[in-house]
Amino acid sequence: MPDRNAARDTDIGIVDVVAARQRLAGHVRRTSMMEALPLSARHGVVVRLKCEHQQITGSFKARGATNTVLSLSGEQREAGVVAASTGNHGRALAYAAKAAGIDAVICMSSLVPANKVDAVRALGADVRIVGVSQDDAQVEVDRLVREEGMVNVAPFDMAGTIAGQGTLGLEMIEDAPDTETLLVPLSGGGLLAGVALAAKALNPAVRVIGVTMERGAAMHASLASGRPVEVREVPSLADSLGGGIGLDNRFTFSMVQRLVDDVVLVSEGDIAEAIRSAYMELGEVIEGAAAVGIAALAAGKIALRGPVGIVLSGRNIDMALHRRIVMGENPDLGAGHG
């Protein structure tokens, strides 16, 4: 029987990230590293923003999904790809699959905002809404792999995905080699693990800190427990950071344990204020998950010793929600959402 799983049970090294960069050339953007002058002035150190919200499909996820799709064999392409997603990975995979001319099924929970569901459908993918968590959606993914032979392109815990996201870390250190601290959004750990791997390969002294929301932070809870654990998924302004890390996690848990210097949590109010600040002071529209690094700085969660690089991971926020936040509201998504 052919191997329908695009991942391999092997270690991931900097050679994989470099290979991913070569593979992705011409398929994704090298996004800019921009100094945020108001933030630099406020915090007394140079603060630069990695503008991955300007990436194709509006988030960093285009890197990992495209790298994995481009790595598939002819037989795997014929089988089609499937994934569970909180929105951005599904959009990226739908884009990569369409560009490659292969079928894609994206499974999402009812917590995923409608604008993200619609964006995936617009790219031609078959969207299936399953349950109230990413874990529920993963059940349907597993069924499609088992019964229909599709290839699971995991949103974070997959070698090709992590290597693709790691290309972002290479760019950050190459463009700003004096960076002392990197602030990276944390969900399942694909982005954080990839960036930490790449950044520390170029500069072993760089400090890499994961930032996530207080509500339902699965990787944070797993690190505290010393093993992957289940955490109830709840609504958050940082909806892209929702979901578990998988009890059978193969890559990201151990990589985050080994490579990441710290993980900090930010509140819903902190996230809302950071979305507002990004728009009012910097003219940037970002989603909640992308705002957590700015939020951590503003909340005094980061000890500053030198230049800081912050990953703005995506812009795919519902614009009606964005408007409410910019006008001063701190929406409480904890009741009646999804």
Protein backbone atom coordinates (compact mmCIF):
# COMPACT_ATOMS: atom_id res chain seq x y z
CA MET A 1 0.00 0.00 0.00
CA PRO A 2 1.31 3.51 -0.79
CA ASP A 3 2.19 5.82 2.08
CA ARG A 4 -0.69 8.32 2.27
CA ASN A 5 0.91 10.37 5.03
CA ALA A 6 3.14 13.15 3.73
CA ALA A 7 5.06 13.32 7.02
CA ARG A 8 8.10 11.20 7.80
CA ASP A 9 9.18 10.04 11.24
CA THR A 10 12.58 11.67 11.00
CA ASP A 11 14.34 14.50 12.77
CA ILE A 12 14.00 17.96 11.30
CA GLY A 13 17.18 19.98 10.85
CA ILE A 14 18.34 23.22 9.29
CA VAL A 15 19.05 21.34 6.05
CA ASP A 16 15.29 20.75 5.74
CA VAL A 17 14.56 24.46 6.19
CA VAL A 18 17.15 25.41 3.56
CA ALA A 19 15.66 22.84 1.16
CA ALA A 20 12.20 24.26 1.84
CA ARG A 21 13.41 27.76 0.98
CA GLN A 22 14.75 26.53 -2.35
CA ARG A 23 11.50 24.70 -3.03
CA LEU A 24 9.35 27.71 -2.16
CA ALA A 25 11.22 30.18 -4.35
CA GLY A 26 8.71 31.81 -6.66
CA HIS A 27 5.74 30.31 -4.81
CA VAL A 28 5.56 32.49 -1.67
CA ARG A 29 6.71 36.00 -0.79
CA ARG A 30 9.78 37.02 1.15
CA THR A 31 7.94 39.44 3.42
CA SER A 32 9.50 42.60 4.79
CA MET A 33 11.07 43.20 8.20
CA MET A 34 9.86 46.68 9.16
CA GLU A 35 10.85 48.78 12.15
CA ALA A 36 7.81 49.89 14.15
CA LEU A 37 9.00 53.34 15.16
CA PRO A 38 6.22 54.05 17.70
CA LEU A 39 6.92 50.74 19.45
CA SER A 40 10.68 51.34 19.41
CA ALA A 41 10.19 54.75 21.01
CA ARG A 42 7.80 53.40 23.64
CA HIS A 43 9.90 50.41 24.70
CA GLY A 44 13.38 51.85 24.35
CA VAL A 45 14.70 49.17 21.99
CA VAL A 46 14.45 48.63 18.25
CA VAL A 47 11.22 46.75 17.52
CA ARG A 48 10.87 45.19 14.07
CA LEU A 49 7.83 43.49 12.61
CA LYS A 50 8.02 40.50 10.29
CA CYS A 51 5.11 41.34 8.01
CA GLU A 52 3.87 37.85 7.33
CA HIS A 53 0.31 39.17 7.33
CA GLN A 54 1.24 40.38 3.84
CA GLN A 55 1.98 36.81 2.72
CA ILE A 56 -0.05 35.08 -0.01
CA THR A 57 -3.39 33.97 1.55
CA GLY A 58 -2.83 36.51 4.34
CA SER A 59 -0.79 34.36 6.73
CA PHE A 60 2.48 32.50 7.23
CA LYS A 61 0.66 29.21 6.68
CA ALA A 62 1.28 29.49 2.92
CA ARG A 63 4.90 28.50 3.55
CA GLY A 64 4.32 25.16 5.28
CA ALA A 65 1.34 24.09 3.18
CA THR A 66 3.05 24.92 -0.12
CA ASN A 67 6.29 23.23 0.91
CA THR A 68 4.41 20.04 1.78
CA VAL A 69 2.30 20.03 -1.39
CA LEU A 70 5.38 20.57 -3.56
CA SER A 71 7.01 17.59 -1.81
CA LEU A 72 4.22 15.12 -2.62
CA SER A 73 4.73 12.21 -4.97
CA GLY A 74 2.59 11.85 -8.08
CA GLU A 75 0.56 9.13 -6.39
CA GLN A 76 -0.07 11.30 -3.34
CA ARG A 77 -1.17 14.21 -5.53
CA GLU A 78 -3.66 11.95 -7.29
CA ALA A 79 -5.11 10.91 -3.90
CA GLY A 80 -5.75 14.54 -2.89
CA VAL A 81 -5.01 16.34 0.36
CA VAL A 82 -7.01 16.86 3.55
CA ALA A 83 -6.42 18.84 6.73
CA ALA A 84 -8.00 20.08 9.92
CA SER A 85 -7.73 23.84 10.30
CA THR A 86 -8.75 26.84 12.38
CA GLY A 87 -8.84 28.75 9.09
CA ASN A 88 -5.45 29.96 7.94
CA HIS A 89 -3.89 26.56 7.29
CA GLY A 90 -6.99 25.51 5.38
CA ARG A 91 -6.82 28.62 3.24
CA ALA A 92 -3.12 28.06 2.58
CA LEU A 93 -3.60 24.40 1.71
CA ALA A 94 -6.55 25.18 -0.54
CA TYR A 95 -4.38 27.75 -2.35
CA ALA A 96 -1.43 25.39 -2.71
CA ALA A 97 -3.65 22.52 -3.87
CA LYS A 98 -5.39 24.70 -6.44
CA ALA A 99 -2.04 25.90 -7.78
CA ALA A 100 -0.88 22.28 -8.05
CA GLY A 101 -4.16 21.10 -9.61
CA ILE A 102 -5.06 18.62 -6.88
CA ASP A 103 -8.18 18.07 -4.77
CA ALA A 104 -8.40 19.41 -1.20
CA VAL A 105 -10.81 18.79 1.68
CA ILE A 106 -10.60 21.14 4.66
CA CYS A 107 -12.25 20.12 7.96
CA MET A 108 -13.03 22.92 10.44
CA SER A 109 -15.00 23.22 13.66
CA SER A 110 -17.96 25.48 14.24
CA LEU A 111 -15.66 27.85 16.19
CA VAL A 112 -13.89 28.95 13.01
CA PRO A 113 -15.06 32.46 12.00
CA ALA A 114 -17.30 32.59 8.92
CA ASN A 115 -14.91 34.86 6.99
CA LYS A 116 -12.20 32.20 7.19
CA VAL A 117 -14.57 29.42 6.14
CA ASP A 118 -15.76 31.48 3.16
CA ALA A 119 -12.17 32.25 2.10
CA VAL A 120 -11.33 28.53 1.97
CA ARG A 121 -14.44 27.76 -0.09
CA ALA A 122 -13.59 30.57 -2.49
CA LEU A 123 -10.35 28.75 -3.36
CA GLY A 124 -12.27 25.68 -4.47
CA ALA A 125 -11.70 23.36 -1.53
CA ASP A 126 -14.40 21.05 -0.16
CA VAL A 127 -15.13 22.47 3.32
CA ARG A 128 -16.61 20.31 6.06
CA ILE A 129 -17.72 21.75 9.40
CA VAL A 130 -17.29 19.13 12.12
CA GLY A 131 -17.89 19.50 15.87
CA VAL A 132 -16.76 22.26 18.19
CA SER A 133 -12.98 21.82 18.26
CA GLN A 134 -10.01 21.17 16.02
CA ASP A 135 -9.80 17.72 17.58
CA ASP A 136 -13.36 17.02 16.36
CA ALA A 137 -12.39 18.14 12.87
CA GLN A 138 -9.34 15.88 12.99
CA VAL A 139 -11.63 12.85 13.45
CA GLU A 140 -13.09 13.49 9.98
CA VAL A 141 -9.58 13.97 8.56
CA ASP A 142 -8.52 10.60 9.96
CA ARG A 143 -11.60 8.97 8.42
CA LEU A 144 -10.84 10.40 4.98
CA VAL A 145 -7.24 9.21 5.20
CA ARG A 146 -8.34 5.76 6.33
CA GLU A 147 -11.33 5.20 4.07
CA GLU A 148 -10.57 7.31 0.98
CA GLY A 149 -6.79 7.27 0.93
CA MET A 150 -6.32 11.05 1.05
CA VAL A 151 -3.04 12.59 2.28
CA ASN A 152 -3.19 14.36 5.62
CA VAL A 153 -1.30 17.66 5.48
CA ALA A 154 -1.15 18.53 9.16
CA PRO A 155 -1.29 22.21 10.18
CA PHE A 156 1.72 22.01 12.51
CA ASP A 157 3.03 18.57 13.53
CA MET A 158 4.57 17.57 10.19
CA ALA A 159 8.12 17.75 8.92
CA GLY A 160 7.29 19.60 5.69
CA THR A 161 5.04 22.08 7.48
CA ILE A 162 7.63 22.91 10.15
CA ALA A 163 10.44 23.26 7.61
CA GLY A 164 8.30 25.58 5.49
CA GLN A 165 7.48 27.80 8.46
CA GLY A 166 11.15 27.80 9.41
CA THR A 167 12.00 29.75 6.26
CA LEU A 168 10.45 32.75 7.99
CA GLY A 169 13.04 32.45 10.77
CA LEU A 170 15.89 32.41 8.27
CA GLU A 171 14.62 35.62 6.74
CA MET A 172 14.24 37.38 10.10
CA ILE A 173 17.82 36.76 11.19
CA GLU A 174 19.27 37.45 7.73
CA ASP A 175 17.41 40.77 7.52
CA ALA A 176 18.11 41.79 11.14
CA PRO A 177 21.18 39.91 12.44
CA ASP A 178 21.33 42.10 15.56
CA THR A 179 17.97 40.75 16.80
CA GLU A 180 18.21 39.72 20.46
CA THR A 181 14.67 38.43 21.00
CA LEU A 182 12.06 36.91 18.68
CA LEU A 183 8.39 36.92 19.70
CA VAL A 184 6.45 34.24 17.84
CA PRO A 185 2.74 33.32 18.09
CA LEU A 186 2.23 29.84 19.55
CA SER A 187 -0.55 27.36 18.86
CA GLY A 188 0.39 23.81 17.87
CA GLY A 189 4.01 24.89 17.61
CA GLY A 190 4.75 24.49 13.89
CA LEU A 191 5.63 28.15 13.43
CA LEU A 192 7.48 28.49 16.74
CA ALA A 193 9.45 25.25 16.29
CA GLY A 194 10.42 26.11 12.72
CA VAL A 195 11.42 29.69 13.51
CA ALA A 196 13.41 28.64 16.60
CA LEU A 197 15.24 25.94 14.64
CA ALA A 198 16.20 28.27 11.81
CA ALA A 199 16.96 31.36 13.90
CA LYS A 200 19.20 29.52 16.37
CA ALA A 201 21.05 27.80 13.52
CA LEU A 202 22.06 31.27 12.27
CA ASN A 203 22.44 32.87 15.72
CA PRO A 204 22.58 30.46 18.68
CA ALA A 205 22.40 33.39 21.12
CA VAL A 206 19.01 34.68 19.92
CA ARG A 207 16.22 34.35 22.48
CA VAL A 208 13.01 32.84 21.09
CA ILE A 209 9.79 33.34 23.04
CA GLY A 210 6.40 31.87 22.21
CA VAL A 211 3.33 33.99 22.90
CA THR A 212 -0.19 32.67 23.19
CA MET A 213 -3.58 33.51 24.67
CA GLU A 214 -4.65 32.72 28.23
CA ARG A 215 -7.71 30.80 27.04
CA GLY A 216 -7.15 27.20 25.95
CA ALA A 217 -3.37 27.37 25.43
CA ALA A 218 -2.67 23.70 24.71
CA MET A 219 1.09 23.86 24.16
CA HIS A 220 1.61 25.95 27.29
CA ALA A 221 -0.36 23.45 29.36
CA SER A 222 1.51 20.55 27.78
CA LEU A 223 4.90 22.10 28.54
CA ALA A 224 3.84 22.64 32.14
CA SER A 225 2.78 18.98 32.37
CA GLY A 226 5.90 17.66 30.67
CA ARG A 227 3.84 15.81 28.06
CA PRO A 228 1.10 16.57 25.51
CA VAL A 229 -2.26 17.06 27.24
CA GLU A 230 -5.76 17.87 26.10
CA VAL A 231 -7.11 21.36 26.78
CA ARG A 232 -10.68 22.47 26.21
CA GLU A 233 -10.84 24.72 23.15
CA VAL A 234 -12.66 27.96 23.89
CA PRO A 235 -13.39 31.10 21.84
CA SER A 236 -10.69 33.76 21.72
CA LEU A 237 -9.82 36.85 19.71
CA ALA A 238 -6.73 34.82 18.80
CA ASP A 239 -8.88 32.13 17.18
CA SER A 240 -6.02 30.92 14.97
CA LEU A 241 -4.15 29.82 18.12
CA GLY A 242 -6.94 27.45 19.22
CA GLY A 243 -6.82 23.67 19.13
CA GLY A 244 -4.79 20.92 20.74
CA ILE A 245 -1.29 19.70 19.92
CA GLY A 246 -2.24 16.01 19.66
CA LEU A 247 -1.55 13.43 22.34
CA ASP A 248 0.61 11.55 19.82
CA ASN A 249 2.58 14.70 18.92
CA ARG A 250 5.74 13.67 17.08
CA PHE A 251 7.67 16.87 16.41
CA THR A 252 6.55 20.21 17.77
CA PHE A 253 6.26 19.41 21.50
CA SER A 254 9.84 18.14 21.77
CA MET A 255 11.17 20.88 19.50
CA VAL A 256 9.51 23.64 21.53
CA GLN A 257 10.79 22.03 24.73
CA ARG A 258 14.33 21.94 23.37
CA LEU A 259 14.61 25.16 21.39
CA VAL A 260 12.29 27.76 22.92
CA ASP A 261 13.46 29.94 25.80
CA ASP A 262 10.08 30.88 27.27
CA VAL A 263 6.32 30.97 26.66
CA VAL A 264 4.15 33.85 27.87
CA LEU A 265 0.38 34.32 27.98
CA VAL A 266 -1.65 37.41 27.11
CA SER A 267 -5.23 38.30 27.98
CA GLU A 268 -8.12 38.97 25.63
CA GLY A 269 -7.94 42.64 26.60
CA ASP A 270 -4.22 42.71 25.78
CA ILE A 271 -4.93 41.18 22.36
CA ALA A 272 -7.71 43.66 21.58
CA GLU A 273 -5.49 46.59 22.53
CA ALA A 274 -2.68 45.26 20.33
CA ILE A 275 -5.02 44.91 17.33
CA ARG A 276 -6.12 48.49 17.95
CA SER A 277 -2.55 49.75 18.35
CA ALA A 278 -1.38 48.04 15.16
CA TYR A 279 -4.09 49.81 13.21
CA MET A 280 -4.06 53.23 14.87
CA GLU A 281 -0.27 53.62 15.22
CA LEU A 282 1.11 51.48 12.40
CA GLY A 283 -1.72 51.36 9.86
CA GLU A 284 -1.68 47.54 9.85
CA VAL A 285 -4.73 45.27 9.90
CA ILE A 286 -3.85 42.10 11.82
CA GLU A 287 -5.84 39.29 13.37
CA GLY A 288 -5.77 38.38 17.04
CA ALA A 289 -3.17 35.64 16.69
CA ALA A 290 -0.82 38.08 14.96
CA ALA A 291 -1.26 40.64 17.72
CA VAL A 292 0.02 38.54 20.63
CA GLY A 293 3.65 39.64 20.30
CA ILE A 294 2.73 43.31 20.41
CA ALA A 295 0.38 42.50 23.30
CA ALA A 296 3.17 40.81 25.27
CA LEU A 297 5.43 43.84 24.87
CA ALA A 298 2.70 46.27 25.90
CA ALA A 299 1.76 44.17 28.94
CA GLY A 300 5.36 44.14 30.18
CA LYS A 301 5.69 40.37 29.78
CA ILE A 302 9.08 40.53 28.01
CA ALA A 303 12.41 41.50 29.58
CA LEU A 304 13.99 43.76 26.96
CA ARG A 305 17.74 43.65 26.41
CA GLY A 306 18.12 44.57 22.73
CA PRO A 307 16.41 44.59 19.34
CA VAL A 308 13.14 42.65 19.16
CA GLY A 309 11.58 40.91 16.18
CA ILE A 310 7.84 40.21 16.23
CA VAL A 311 6.05 37.91 13.82
CA LEU A 312 2.79 39.40 12.54
CA SER A 313 1.44 36.04 11.50
CA GLY A 314 -1.79 36.91 9.67
CA ARG A 315 -4.40 39.50 8.68
CA ASN A 316 -7.49 37.30 8.24
CA ILE A 317 -9.74 38.91 10.82
CA ASP A 318 -13.46 39.47 10.35
CA MET A 319 -13.57 43.16 9.42
CA ALA A 320 -16.76 43.84 11.36
CA LEU A 321 -15.00 42.53 14.48
CA HIS A 322 -11.92 44.57 13.62
CA ARG A 323 -14.02 47.70 13.33
CA ARG A 324 -15.54 47.11 16.77
CA ILE A 325 -12.10 46.65 18.31
CA VAL A 326 -10.66 49.76 16.65
CA MET A 327 -13.62 51.76 17.95
CA GLY A 328 -12.65 50.80 21.48
CA GLU A 329 -14.64 47.67 22.22
CA ASN A 330 -13.01 44.65 23.88
CA PRO A 331 -15.33 41.89 22.62
CA ASP A 332 -15.91 38.97 24.97
CA LEU A 333 -16.12 35.94 22.73
CA GLY A 334 -16.56 33.59 25.65
CA ALA A 335 -20.34 33.54 25.45
CA GLY A 336 -22.34 32.32 22.50
CA HIS A 337 -19.50 32.15 19.99
CA GLY A 338 -19.60 29.18 17.60
